[in-house]
Amino acid sequence: MKKIILIFNKQNKKEYLKEIKNENLKSNLILIESTNKNKIFEKIHLADALIGCPREYFTKELFQKTKKLKWIHCGGAGIDQILIPEIKNSNIVLTHGKIIQGPEVADHALGLLLSITRNLHLHIKGEAPKNIQRPIELRNKTCGIFGMGGIGFSIAERLKGFGAKVIGISEDLIPLVSFVDEFYTTEKLLKILPRLDVLICAAPLTKDTFKLFNLKHFKKMKKGSIFINISRGKLVDIRALLKNNIYLKFRGIGLDVTDPEPLLKGHALNNLKNIIITPHTAGLSDKNRARSVKLIIKNIKRFLKNKHLLNIADKDREY
């Protein structure tokens, strides 16, 4: 009988138990609380699959204790923290939370964007109205989305509803949908940047995207443009934003992720009027846990029947 270690926390325990009972899966599962690291390490040799393991537990030591592991599921969309060489170079299938995180992260990206276009962040900080420039419309603005996965598509859909012109930038061909006006691959990025009123970064962290957005890219962007990052902090060299005060060229910058994370309280970016920083909360919503649990239960059933799993990550491409 296949054994699956399912790691839960206080927030998702009730939803897991309900679905496990409904689907009669209890006999195949070893349930372990996420805080019980010792038990995870103790039981891992029994597991054919490992679901929901905290990212910080993925070490060479854990992998060496595995005997028959065939499948790992990571709840988030990003897999950069768990792709240790022992996993990346193995035959273990890796699945993750891509696609299903689209709605809440896209909402957050638009929240940051609208806070800047409508000057909400300045009003909230108590800036005198006479010192605030007029708000701007998104209608007819040219908005680039770097990374056209489930999150990027959800952002594009929302932007199109505001009347924006949407340019998608990705390393994968995308469906020919009405809410993306133009599509380019990454090698065209530097040529596209001067056209953009808004750039939203929604790409995974890989060896190719590590600190991709640096001084060279920021210099290419329009004066008065807006930059938003809701993917991974290490895609952006935040020191470049401070170099020669280049952050001043932007109408606003919205960051849900930073490098390091969180920034130290005294970090210069924390005190700049045109920068909004949220503490990596884009992936949270009232529905995100339920979607995650449903995907996991579907894949458990498919795994037990030796069927192709949903949301398989490409370990070589790192997303």
C-alpha atoms as a PDB file:
ATOM      1  CA  MET A   1       0.000   0.000   0.000  1.00  0.00           C
ATOM      2  CA  LYS A   2       1.273   3.448  -0.914  1.00  0.00           C
ATOM      3  CA  LYS A   3       1.909   5.732   2.033  1.00  0.00           C
ATOM      4  CA  ILE A   4       1.638   9.498   1.820  1.00  0.00           C
ATOM      5  CA  ILE A   5       2.911  11.892   4.465  1.00  0.00           C
ATOM      6  CA  LEU A   6       0.481  14.798   4.603  1.00  0.00           C
ATOM      7  CA  ILE A   7       1.695  17.715   6.687  1.00  0.00           C
ATOM      8  CA  PHE A   8      -0.936  20.057   8.072  1.00  0.00           C
ATOM      9  CA  ASN A   9      -1.095  23.196  10.175  1.00  0.00           C
ATOM     10  CA  LYS A  10      -3.764  24.635  12.440  1.00  0.00           C
ATOM     11  CA  GLN A  11      -5.269  26.656   9.592  1.00  0.00           C
ATOM     12  CA  ASN A  12      -5.862  23.813   7.136  1.00  0.00           C
ATOM     13  CA  LYS A  13      -6.306  20.835   9.470  1.00  0.00           C
ATOM     14  CA  LYS A  14     -10.117  20.992   9.506  1.00  0.00           C
ATOM     15  CA  GLU A  15     -10.355  21.180   5.698  1.00  0.00           C
ATOM     16  CA  TYR A  16      -7.957  18.264   5.269  1.00  0.00           C
ATOM     17  CA  LEU A  17      -9.775  16.043   7.754  1.00  0.00           C
ATOM     18  CA  LYS A  18     -13.117  16.715   6.075  1.00  0.00           C
ATOM     19  CA  GLU A  19     -11.818  15.851   2.593  1.00  0.00           C
ATOM     20  CA  ILE A  20      -9.901  12.793   3.852  1.00  0.00           C
ATOM     21  CA  LYS A  21     -13.065  11.432   5.425  1.00  0.00           C
ATOM     22  CA  ASN A  22     -15.192  12.169   2.360  1.00  0.00           C
ATOM     23  CA  GLU A  23     -12.746  10.429   0.033  1.00  0.00           C
ATOM     24  CA  ASN A  24     -11.918   7.534   2.378  1.00  0.00           C
ATOM     25  CA  LEU A  25      -8.172   8.185   2.193  1.00  0.00           C
ATOM     26  CA  LYS A  26      -7.192   7.775   5.845  1.00  0.00           C
ATOM     27  CA  SER A  27      -5.520   4.383   5.438  1.00  0.00           C
ATOM     28  CA  ASN A  28      -3.028   5.764   2.929  1.00  0.00           C
ATOM     29  CA  LEU A  29      -2.064   8.849   4.913  1.00  0.00           C
ATOM     30  CA  ILE A  30       0.398   9.617   7.677  1.00  0.00           C
ATOM     31  CA  LEU A  31      -0.741  12.929   9.171  1.00  0.00           C
ATOM     32  CA  ILE A  32       1.922  15.094  10.814  1.00  0.00           C
ATOM     33  CA  GLU A  33       1.683  18.632  12.162  1.00  0.00           C
ATOM     34  CA  SER A  34       4.003  21.075  10.416  1.00  0.00           C
ATOM     35  CA  THR A  35       5.771  22.068  13.637  1.00  0.00           C
ATOM     36  CA  ASN A  36       6.783  18.462  14.362  1.00  0.00           C
ATOM     37  CA  LYS A  37      10.027  18.366  12.415  1.00  0.00           C
ATOM     38  CA  ASN A  38      11.382  15.352  14.301  1.00  0.00           C
ATOM     39  CA  LYS A  39       8.379  13.212  13.388  1.00  0.00           C
ATOM     40  CA  ILE A  40       8.632  14.197   9.724  1.00  0.00           C
ATOM     41  CA  PHE A  41      12.281  13.089   9.672  1.00  0.00           C
ATOM     42  CA  GLU A  42      11.388   9.948  11.610  1.00  0.00           C
ATOM     43  CA  LYS A  43       8.618   8.851   9.234  1.00  0.00           C
ATOM     44  CA  ILE A  44       9.983   9.977   5.867  1.00  0.00           C
ATOM     45  CA  HIS A  45      11.444   6.545   5.091  1.00  0.00           C
ATOM     46  CA  LEU A  46       7.881   5.155   4.954  1.00  0.00           C
ATOM     47  CA  ALA A  47       6.655   7.676   2.416  1.00  0.00           C
ATOM     48  CA  ASP A  48       5.905   7.227  -1.266  1.00  0.00           C
ATOM     49  CA  ALA A  49       4.795  10.866  -1.313  1.00  0.00           C
ATOM     50  CA  LEU A  50       5.411  13.984   0.765  1.00  0.00           C
ATOM     51  CA  ILE A  51       2.860  16.798   0.803  1.00  0.00           C
ATOM     52  CA  GLY A  52       3.053  20.208   2.447  1.00  0.00           C
ATOM     53  CA  CYS A  53       6.476  19.892   4.050  1.00  0.00           C
ATOM     54  CA  PRO A  54       7.785  23.279   5.265  1.00  0.00           C
ATOM     55  CA  ARG A  55      10.365  24.607   2.832  1.00  0.00           C
ATOM     56  CA  GLU A  56      13.043  25.008   5.476  1.00  0.00           C
ATOM     57  CA  TYR A  57      12.994  21.231   6.132  1.00  0.00           C
ATOM     58  CA  PHE A  58      14.158  20.381   2.615  1.00  0.00           C
ATOM     59  CA  THR A  59      17.766  19.438   3.277  1.00  0.00           C
ATOM     60  CA  LYS A  60      20.241  16.793   2.204  1.00  0.00           C
ATOM     61  CA  GLU A  61      19.651  15.151   5.590  1.00  0.00           C
ATOM     62  CA  LEU A  62      15.922  14.735   4.917  1.00  0.00           C
ATOM     63  CA  PHE A  63      16.484  13.381   1.433  1.00  0.00           C
ATOM     64  CA  GLN A  64      19.007  10.809   2.683  1.00  0.00           C
ATOM     65  CA  LYS A  65      16.316   9.359   4.956  1.00  0.00           C
ATOM     66  CA  THR A  66      13.935   8.676   2.053  1.00  0.00           C
ATOM     67  CA  LYS A  67      13.643   5.116   0.776  1.00  0.00           C
ATOM     68  CA  LYS A  68      10.898   5.092  -1.861  1.00  0.00           C
ATOM     69  CA  LEU A  69       9.796   8.693  -2.362  1.00  0.00           C
ATOM     70  CA  LYS A  70       8.168   9.240  -5.773  1.00  0.00           C
ATOM     71  CA  TRP A  71       6.203  12.485  -5.400  1.00  0.00           C
ATOM     72  CA  ILE A  72       6.569  15.796  -3.544  1.00  0.00           C
ATOM     73  CA  HIS A  73       3.931  18.524  -3.491  1.00  0.00           C
ATOM     74  CA  CYS A  74       4.743  22.142  -2.626  1.00  0.00           C
ATOM     75  CA  GLY A  75       1.700  24.257  -1.776  1.00  0.00           C
ATOM     76  CA  GLY A  76       3.061  27.521  -3.172  1.00  0.00           C
ATOM     77  CA  ALA A  77       3.756  28.381  -6.787  1.00  0.00           C
ATOM     78  CA  GLY A  78       7.477  29.009  -6.200  1.00  0.00           C
ATOM     79  CA  ILE A  79       9.739  25.958  -5.914  1.00  0.00           C
ATOM     80  CA  ASP A  80      13.106  27.716  -5.681  1.00  0.00           C
ATOM     81  CA  GLN A  81      13.560  26.984  -1.979  1.00  0.00           C
ATOM     82  CA  ILE A  82      12.985  23.238  -2.240  1.00  0.00           C
ATOM     83  CA  LEU A  83      15.009  22.468  -5.368  1.00  0.00           C
ATOM     84  CA  ILE A  84      18.031  21.160  -3.527  1.00  0.00           C
ATOM     85  CA  PRO A  85      20.348  19.156  -5.842  1.00  0.00           C
ATOM     86  CA  GLU A  86      19.235  15.824  -4.343  1.00  0.00           C
ATOM     87  CA  ILE A  87      15.629  16.526  -5.388  1.00  0.00           C
ATOM     88  CA  LYS A  88      16.351  18.314  -8.652  1.00  0.00           C
ATOM     89  CA  ASN A  89      18.537  15.466  -9.929  1.00  0.00           C
ATOM     90  CA  SER A  90      16.217  12.678  -8.779  1.00  0.00           C
ATOM     91  CA  ASN A  91      13.259  10.973 -10.494  1.00  0.00           C
ATOM     92  CA  ILE A  92      10.869  12.364  -7.899  1.00  0.00           C
ATOM     93  CA  VAL A  93       7.882  14.111  -9.467  1.00  0.00           C
ATOM     94  CA  LEU A  94       7.368  17.611  -8.079  1.00  0.00           C
ATOM     95  CA  THR A  95       3.988  19.357  -8.148  1.00  0.00           C
ATOM     96  CA  HIS A  96       3.115  22.808  -6.856  1.00  0.00           C
ATOM     97  CA  GLY A  97       0.453  25.498  -6.465  1.00  0.00           C
ATOM     98  CA  LYS A  98       0.770  27.235  -9.833  1.00  0.00           C
ATOM     99  CA  ILE A  99      -2.482  28.377 -11.471  1.00  0.00           C
ATOM    100  CA  ILE A 100      -4.533  28.130  -8.270  1.00  0.00           C
ATOM    101  CA  GLN A 101      -2.760  31.133  -6.709  1.00  0.00           C
ATOM    102  CA  GLY A 102      -3.768  33.392  -9.597  1.00  0.00           C
ATOM    103  CA  PRO A 103      -6.838  35.178  -8.185  1.00  0.00           C
ATOM    104  CA  GLU A 104      -5.521  36.408  -4.854  1.00  0.00           C
ATOM    105  CA  VAL A 105      -2.053  37.374  -6.087  1.00  0.00           C
ATOM    106  CA  ALA A 106      -3.543  39.190  -9.085  1.00  0.00           C
ATOM    107  CA  ASP A 107      -5.917  41.060  -6.759  1.00  0.00           C
ATOM    108  CA  HIS A 108      -2.939  42.094  -4.636  1.00  0.00           C
ATOM    109  CA  ALA A 109      -0.979  43.283  -7.673  1.00  0.00           C
ATOM    110  CA  LEU A 110      -3.927  45.429  -8.750  1.00  0.00           C
ATOM    111  CA  GLY A 111      -4.323  46.657  -5.176  1.00  0.00           C
ATOM    112  CA  LEU A 112      -0.740  47.918  -5.154  1.00  0.00           C
ATOM    113  CA  LEU A 113      -1.159  49.394  -8.621  1.00  0.00           C
ATOM    114  CA  LEU A 114      -4.409  51.216  -7.831  1.00  0.00           C
ATOM    115  CA  SER A 115      -2.992  52.522  -4.571  1.00  0.00           C
ATOM    116  CA  ILE A 116      -0.312  54.232  -6.657  1.00  0.00           C
ATOM    117  CA  THR A 117      -2.457  55.391  -9.583  1.00  0.00           C
ATOM    118  CA  ARG A 118      -5.115  56.826  -7.237  1.00  0.00           C
ATOM    119  CA  ASN A 119      -2.556  58.176  -4.704  1.00  0.00           C
ATOM    120  CA  LEU A 120      -4.140  56.121  -1.903  1.00  0.00           C
ATOM    121  CA  HIS A 121      -0.775  55.392  -0.295  1.00  0.00           C
ATOM    122  CA  LEU A 122      -0.075  59.122   0.005  1.00  0.00           C
ATOM    123  CA  HIS A 123      -3.488  59.966   1.420  1.00  0.00           C
ATOM    124  CA  ILE A 124      -3.144  57.152   3.969  1.00  0.00           C
ATOM    125  CA  LYS A 125       0.257  58.541   5.017  1.00  0.00           C
ATOM    126  CA  GLY A 126      -1.365  61.939   5.583  1.00  0.00           C
ATOM    127  CA  GLU A 127       0.328  63.796   2.749  1.00  0.00           C
ATOM    128  CA  ALA A 128      -1.202  67.223   2.168  1.00  0.00           C
ATOM    129  CA  PRO A 129      -3.506  67.142  -0.902  1.00  0.00           C
ATOM    130  CA  LYS A 130      -1.775  70.195  -2.391  1.00  0.00           C
ATOM    131  CA  ASN A 131       1.483  68.213  -2.522  1.00  0.00           C
ATOM    132  CA  ILE A 132      -0.039  65.249  -4.380  1.00  0.00           C
ATOM    133  CA  GLN A 133      -0.112  65.064  -8.175  1.00  0.00           C
ATOM    134  CA  ARG A 134      -3.388  64.263  -9.904  1.00  0.00           C
ATOM    135  CA  PRO A 135      -4.344  60.567  -9.991  1.00  0.00           C
ATOM    136  CA  ILE A 136      -4.128  58.739 -13.301  1.00  0.00           C
ATOM    137  CA  GLU A 137      -6.409  56.352 -15.189  1.00  0.00           C
ATOM    138  CA  LEU A 138      -5.399  52.885 -16.307  1.00  0.00           C
ATOM    139  CA  ARG A 139      -7.457  53.269 -19.460  1.00  0.00           C
ATOM    140  CA  ASN A 140      -5.170  53.199 -22.518  1.00  0.00           C
ATOM    141  CA  LYS A 141      -2.057  52.762 -20.373  1.00  0.00           C
ATOM    142  CA  THR A 142       0.490  50.225 -21.671  1.00  0.00           C
ATOM    143  CA  CYS A 143       1.028  47.567 -19.012  1.00  0.00           C
ATOM    144  CA  GLY A 144       3.654  44.839 -19.220  1.00  0.00           C
ATOM    145  CA  ILE A 145       3.420  41.585 -17.299  1.00  0.00           C
ATOM    146  CA  PHE A 146       6.691  39.714 -16.879  1.00  0.00           C
ATOM    147  CA  GLY A 147       5.747  36.070 -16.366  1.00  0.00           C
ATOM    148  CA  MET A 148       2.598  34.721 -18.001  1.00  0.00           C
ATOM    149  CA  GLY A 149       1.646  31.808 -15.791  1.00  0.00           C
ATOM    150  CA  GLY A 150      -1.551  31.456 -13.797  1.00  0.00           C
ATOM    151  CA  ILE A 151      -0.840  34.656 -11.876  1.00  0.00           C
ATOM    152  CA  GLY A 152       0.223  36.633 -14.936  1.00  0.00           C
ATOM    153  CA  PHE A 153      -2.914  35.658 -16.836  1.00  0.00           C
ATOM    154  CA  SER A 154      -5.130  36.639 -13.925  1.00  0.00           C
ATOM    155  CA  ILE A 155      -3.397  40.030 -13.790  1.00  0.00           C
ATOM    156  CA  ALA A 156      -3.845  40.486 -17.548  1.00  0.00           C
ATOM    157  CA  GLU A 157      -7.544  39.723 -17.280  1.00  0.00           C
ATOM    158  CA  ARG A 158      -7.988  42.350 -14.575  1.00  0.00           C
ATOM    159  CA  LEU A 159      -5.919  44.988 -16.371  1.00  0.00           C
ATOM    160  CA  LYS A 160      -7.939  44.532 -19.526  1.00  0.00           C
ATOM    161  CA  GLY A 161     -11.083  45.251 -17.515  1.00  0.00           C
ATOM    162  CA  PHE A 162      -9.607  48.670 -16.722  1.00  0.00           C
ATOM    163  CA  GLY A 163      -9.081  49.392 -20.407  1.00  0.00           C
ATOM    164  CA  ALA A 164      -5.310  48.957 -20.406  1.00  0.00           C
ATOM    165  CA  LYS A 165      -3.189  47.714 -23.288  1.00  0.00           C
ATOM    166  CA  VAL A 166      -1.557  44.496 -22.057  1.00  0.00           C
ATOM    167  CA  ILE A 167       1.851  43.182 -23.160  1.00  0.00           C
ATOM    168  CA  GLY A 168       2.831  39.713 -21.973  1.00  0.00           C
ATOM    169  CA  ILE A 169       6.484  38.723 -21.581  1.00  0.00           C
ATOM    170  CA  SER A 170       7.309  35.076 -20.948  1.00  0.00           C
ATOM    171  CA  GLU A 171       9.550  32.195 -21.943  1.00  0.00           C
ATOM    172  CA  ASP A 172       6.526  30.026 -22.756  1.00  0.00           C
ATOM    173  CA  LEU A 173       4.125  30.563 -25.626  1.00  0.00           C
ATOM    174  CA  ILE A 174       0.743  31.636 -24.287  1.00  0.00           C
ATOM    175  CA  PRO A 175      -2.808  31.065 -25.553  1.00  0.00           C
ATOM    176  CA  LEU A 176      -4.086  33.625 -28.048  1.00  0.00           C
ATOM    177  CA  VAL A 177      -6.530  35.337 -25.718  1.00  0.00           C
ATOM    178  CA  SER A 178      -8.323  38.638 -26.133  1.00  0.00           C
ATOM    179  CA  PHE A 179      -6.938  40.240 -22.977  1.00  0.00           C
ATOM    180  CA  VAL A 180      -3.261  40.085 -24.060  1.00  0.00           C
ATOM    181  CA  ASP A 181      -2.609  42.499 -26.932  1.00  0.00           C
ATOM    182  CA  GLU A 182       1.040  41.667 -27.594  1.00  0.00           C
ATOM    183  CA  PHE A 183       3.388  38.880 -26.564  1.00  0.00           C
ATOM    184  CA  TYR A 184       7.196  38.737 -26.489  1.00  0.00           C
ATOM    185  CA  THR A 185       9.879  36.471 -25.092  1.00  0.00           C
ATOM    186  CA  THR A 186      12.402  37.691 -22.550  1.00  0.00           C
ATOM    187  CA  GLU A 187      15.139  38.690 -24.990  1.00  0.00           C
ATOM    188  CA  LYS A 188      12.910  41.585 -26.094  1.00  0.00           C
ATOM    189  CA  LEU A 189      12.468  42.901 -22.548  1.00  0.00           C
ATOM    190  CA  LEU A 190      14.934  45.801 -22.765  1.00  0.00           C
ATOM    191  CA  LYS A 191      13.339  47.026 -25.997  1.00  0.00           C
ATOM    192  CA  ILE A 192       9.842  46.879 -24.513  1.00  0.00           C
ATOM    193  CA  LEU A 193      10.572  48.638 -21.213  1.00  0.00           C
ATOM    194  CA  PRO A 194      10.626  52.208 -22.613  1.00  0.00           C
ATOM    195  CA  ARG A 195       7.047  51.697 -23.906  1.00  0.00           C
ATOM    196  CA  LEU A 196       5.555  50.669 -20.569  1.00  0.00           C
ATOM    197  CA  ASP A 197       3.549  52.822 -18.209  1.00  0.00           C
ATOM    198  CA  VAL A 198       3.340  49.876 -15.805  1.00  0.00           C
ATOM    199  CA  LEU A 199       5.456  46.753 -15.336  1.00  0.00           C
ATOM    200  CA  ILE A 200       4.239  43.948 -13.083  1.00  0.00           C
ATOM    201  CA  CYS A 201       6.653  41.144 -12.253  1.00  0.00           C
ATOM    202  CA  ALA A 202       4.928  37.759 -11.851  1.00  0.00           C
ATOM    203  CA  ALA A 203       7.718  35.388 -12.927  1.00  0.00           C
ATOM    204  CA  PRO A 204       9.253  32.526 -10.951  1.00  0.00           C
ATOM    205  CA  LEU A 205      12.724  32.767  -9.424  1.00  0.00           C
ATOM    206  CA  THR A 206      15.207  30.767 -11.488  1.00  0.00           C
ATOM    207  CA  LYS A 207      18.882  31.024 -12.350  1.00  0.00           C
ATOM    208  CA  ASP A 208      17.823  33.106 -15.361  1.00  0.00           C
ATOM    209  CA  THR A 209      15.612  35.553 -13.442  1.00  0.00           C
ATOM    210  CA  PHE A 210      17.840  36.023 -10.378  1.00  0.00           C
ATOM    211  CA  LYS A 211      18.263  39.810  -9.954  1.00  0.00           C
ATOM    212  CA  LEU A 212      17.149  40.274 -13.537  1.00  0.00           C
ATOM    213  CA  PHE A 213      15.716  43.687 -12.746  1.00  0.00           C
ATOM    214  CA  ASN A 214      18.755  45.838 -12.101  1.00  0.00           C
ATOM    215  CA  LEU A 215      19.999  49.349 -12.810  1.00  0.00           C
ATOM    216  CA  LYS A 216      20.176  48.678 -16.558  1.00  0.00           C
ATOM    217  CA  HIS A 217      16.485  47.763 -16.675  1.00  0.00           C
ATOM    218  CA  PHE A 218      15.320  50.581 -14.403  1.00  0.00           C
ATOM    219  CA  LYS A 219      17.158  53.132 -16.553  1.00  0.00           C
ATOM    220  CA  LYS A 220      15.210  51.900 -19.580  1.00  0.00           C
ATOM    221  CA  MET A 221      11.827  52.464 -17.946  1.00  0.00           C
ATOM    222  CA  LYS A 222       9.755  55.615 -18.513  1.00  0.00           C
ATOM    223  CA  LYS A 223       9.931  58.527 -16.137  1.00  0.00           C
ATOM    224  CA  GLY A 224       6.688  58.423 -14.151  1.00  0.00           C
ATOM    225  CA  SER A 225       6.115  54.708 -14.760  1.00  0.00           C
ATOM    226  CA  ILE A 226       5.076  52.164 -12.115  1.00  0.00           C
ATOM    227  CA  PHE A 227       6.895  48.975 -11.088  1.00  0.00           C
ATOM    228  CA  ILE A 228       5.176  46.172  -9.146  1.00  0.00           C
ATOM    229  CA  ASN A 229       6.727  42.912  -7.893  1.00  0.00           C
ATOM    230  CA  ILE A 230       4.501  40.177  -6.440  1.00  0.00           C
ATOM    231  CA  SER A 231       6.643  37.145  -7.317  1.00  0.00           C
ATOM    232  CA  ARG A 232      10.018  36.734  -5.590  1.00  0.00           C
ATOM    233  CA  GLY A 233      12.209  39.389  -4.010  1.00  0.00           C
ATOM    234  CA  LYS A 234      15.403  38.046  -5.561  1.00  0.00           C
ATOM    235  CA  LEU A 235      14.226  38.943  -9.056  1.00  0.00           C
ATOM    236  CA  VAL A 236      14.970  42.559  -8.182  1.00  0.00           C
ATOM    237  CA  ASP A 237      18.276  44.126  -7.177  1.00  0.00           C
ATOM    238  CA  ILE A 238      16.776  46.541  -4.667  1.00  0.00           C
ATOM    239  CA  ARG A 239      20.140  48.267  -4.227  1.00  0.00           C
ATOM    240  CA  ALA A 240      19.755  49.436  -7.819  1.00  0.00           C
ATOM    241  CA  LEU A 241      16.565  51.294  -6.871  1.00  0.00           C
ATOM    242  CA  LEU A 242      18.594  53.392  -4.442  1.00  0.00           C
ATOM    243  CA  LYS A 243      21.602  53.955  -6.684  1.00  0.00           C
ATOM    244  CA  ASN A 244      21.657  57.558  -7.903  1.00  0.00           C
ATOM    245  CA  ASN A 245      18.128  57.842  -6.441  1.00  0.00           C
ATOM    246  CA  ILE A 246      16.701  56.108  -9.507  1.00  0.00           C
ATOM    247  CA  TYR A 247      13.537  55.293  -7.532  1.00  0.00           C
ATOM    248  CA  LEU A 248      12.592  58.972  -7.991  1.00  0.00           C
ATOM    249  CA  LYS A 249      11.939  58.416 -11.700  1.00  0.00           C
ATOM    250  CA  PHE A 250       8.969  56.212 -10.826  1.00  0.00           C
ATOM    251  CA  ARG A 251       5.506  57.438 -10.014  1.00  0.00           C
ATOM    252  CA  GLY A 252       5.406  54.535  -7.610  1.00  0.00           C
ATOM    253  CA  ILE A 253       6.840  51.137  -6.753  1.00  0.00           C
ATOM    254  CA  GLY A 254       4.839  48.353  -5.114  1.00  0.00           C
ATOM    255  CA  LEU A 255       6.702  45.418  -3.546  1.00  0.00           C
ATOM    256  CA  ASP A 256       5.059  42.454  -1.866  1.00  0.00           C
ATOM    257  CA  VAL A 257       8.424  40.699  -1.816  1.00  0.00           C
ATOM    258  CA  THR A 258      11.935  41.959  -1.104  1.00  0.00           C
ATOM    259  CA  ASP A 259      15.483  40.693  -0.759  1.00  0.00           C
ATOM    260  CA  PRO A 260      16.210  40.251   2.077  1.00  0.00           C
ATOM    261  CA  GLU A 261      12.775  39.521   3.438  1.00  0.00           C
ATOM    262  CA  PRO A 262      11.671  41.210   5.539  1.00  0.00           C
ATOM    263  CA  LEU A 263      13.742  44.347   5.144  1.00  0.00           C
ATOM    264  CA  LEU A 264      15.375  45.637   8.297  1.00  0.00           C
ATOM    265  CA  LYS A 265      13.327  48.376   9.966  1.00  0.00           C
ATOM    266  CA  GLY A 266      15.943  50.998   9.159  1.00  0.00           C
ATOM    267  CA  HIS A 267      16.230  50.074   5.479  1.00  0.00           C
ATOM    268  CA  ALA A 268      16.007  53.119   3.210  1.00  0.00           C
ATOM    269  CA  LEU A 269      13.202  51.657   1.069  1.00  0.00           C
ATOM    270  CA  ASN A 270      10.882  51.586   4.083  1.00  0.00           C
ATOM    271  CA  ASN A 271      10.807  55.359   4.331  1.00  0.00           C
ATOM    272  CA  LEU A 272      10.315  56.477   0.725  1.00  0.00           C
ATOM    273  CA  LYS A 273       7.005  58.132  -0.142  1.00  0.00           C
ATOM    274  CA  ASN A 274       6.593  56.552  -3.556  1.00  0.00           C
ATOM    275  CA  ILE A 275       7.248  52.962  -2.433  1.00  0.00           C
ATOM    276  CA  ILE A 276       4.643  50.606  -0.945  1.00  0.00           C
ATOM    277  CA  ILE A 277       5.879  47.433   0.755  1.00  0.00           C
ATOM    278  CA  THR A 278       3.590  44.652   1.944  1.00  0.00           C
ATOM    279  CA  PRO A 279       4.936  41.645   3.905  1.00  0.00           C
ATOM    280  CA  HIS A 280       4.614  38.841   1.317  1.00  0.00           C
ATOM    281  CA  THR A 281       0.859  38.572   1.777  1.00  0.00           C
ATOM    282  CA  ALA A 282      -0.263  38.417  -1.867  1.00  0.00           C
ATOM    283  CA  GLY A 283      -0.847  34.656  -1.689  1.00  0.00           C
ATOM    284  CA  LEU A 284      -3.366  34.838   1.150  1.00  0.00           C
ATOM    285  CA  SER A 285      -7.150  34.978   0.786  1.00  0.00           C
ATOM    286  CA  ASP A 286     -10.362  33.510   2.158  1.00  0.00           C
ATOM    287  CA  LYS A 287     -10.336  30.870  -0.625  1.00  0.00           C
ATOM    288  CA  ASN A 288      -6.688  30.009  -1.235  1.00  0.00           C
ATOM    289  CA  ARG A 289      -6.470  27.205   1.368  1.00  0.00           C
ATOM    290  CA  ALA A 290      -9.608  25.515   0.039  1.00  0.00           C
ATOM    291  CA  ARG A 291      -8.241  25.546  -3.537  1.00  0.00           C
ATOM    292  CA  SER A 292      -4.934  24.149  -2.325  1.00  0.00           C
ATOM    293  CA  VAL A 293      -6.597  21.325  -0.389  1.00  0.00           C
ATOM    294  CA  LYS A 294      -8.811  20.380  -3.339  1.00  0.00           C
ATOM    295  CA  LEU A 295      -5.810  20.175  -5.666  1.00  0.00           C
ATOM    296  CA  ILE A 296      -3.925  18.014  -3.169  1.00  0.00           C
ATOM    297  CA  ILE A 297      -6.848  15.632  -2.670  1.00  0.00           C
ATOM    298  CA  LYS A 298      -7.296  15.305  -6.455  1.00  0.00           C
ATOM    299  CA  ASN A 299      -3.618  14.498  -6.863  1.00  0.00           C
ATOM    300  CA  ILE A 300      -3.618  11.994  -3.986  1.00  0.00           C
ATOM    301  CA  LYS A 301      -6.433  10.101  -5.696  1.00  0.00           C
ATOM    302  CA  ARG A 302      -4.596  10.237  -9.020  1.00  0.00           C
ATOM    303  CA  PHE A 303      -1.331   9.120  -7.406  1.00  0.00           C
ATOM    304  CA  LEU A 304      -3.013   6.118  -5.804  1.00  0.00           C
ATOM    305  CA  LYS A 305      -4.415   5.135  -9.223  1.00  0.00           C
ATOM    306  CA  ASN A 306      -1.053   5.714 -10.973  1.00  0.00           C
ATOM    307  CA  LYS A 307      -2.539   8.519 -13.066  1.00  0.00           C
ATOM    308  CA  HIS A 308      -0.724  11.595 -14.377  1.00  0.00           C
ATOM    309  CA  LEU A 309      -0.516  14.273 -11.651  1.00  0.00           C
ATOM    310  CA  LEU A 310      -1.783  17.834 -12.025  1.00  0.00           C
ATOM    311  CA  ASN A 311       0.531  20.873 -11.855  1.00  0.00           C
ATOM    312  CA  ILE A 312       3.836  19.098 -12.428  1.00  0.00           C
ATOM    313  CA  ALA A 313       6.802  21.451 -12.156  1.00  0.00           C
ATOM    314  CA  ASP A 314       9.665  21.396 -14.638  1.00  0.00           C
ATOM    315  CA  LYS A 315      12.654  20.844 -12.366  1.00  0.00           C
ATOM    316  CA  ASP A 316      15.162  21.720 -15.073  1.00  0.00           C
ATOM    317  CA  ARG A 317      13.476  25.079 -15.804  1.00  0.00           C
ATOM    318  CA  GLU A 318      12.880  25.576 -12.059  1.00  0.00           C
ATOM    319  CA  TYR A 319       9.151  26.361 -12.278  1.00  0.00           C
END
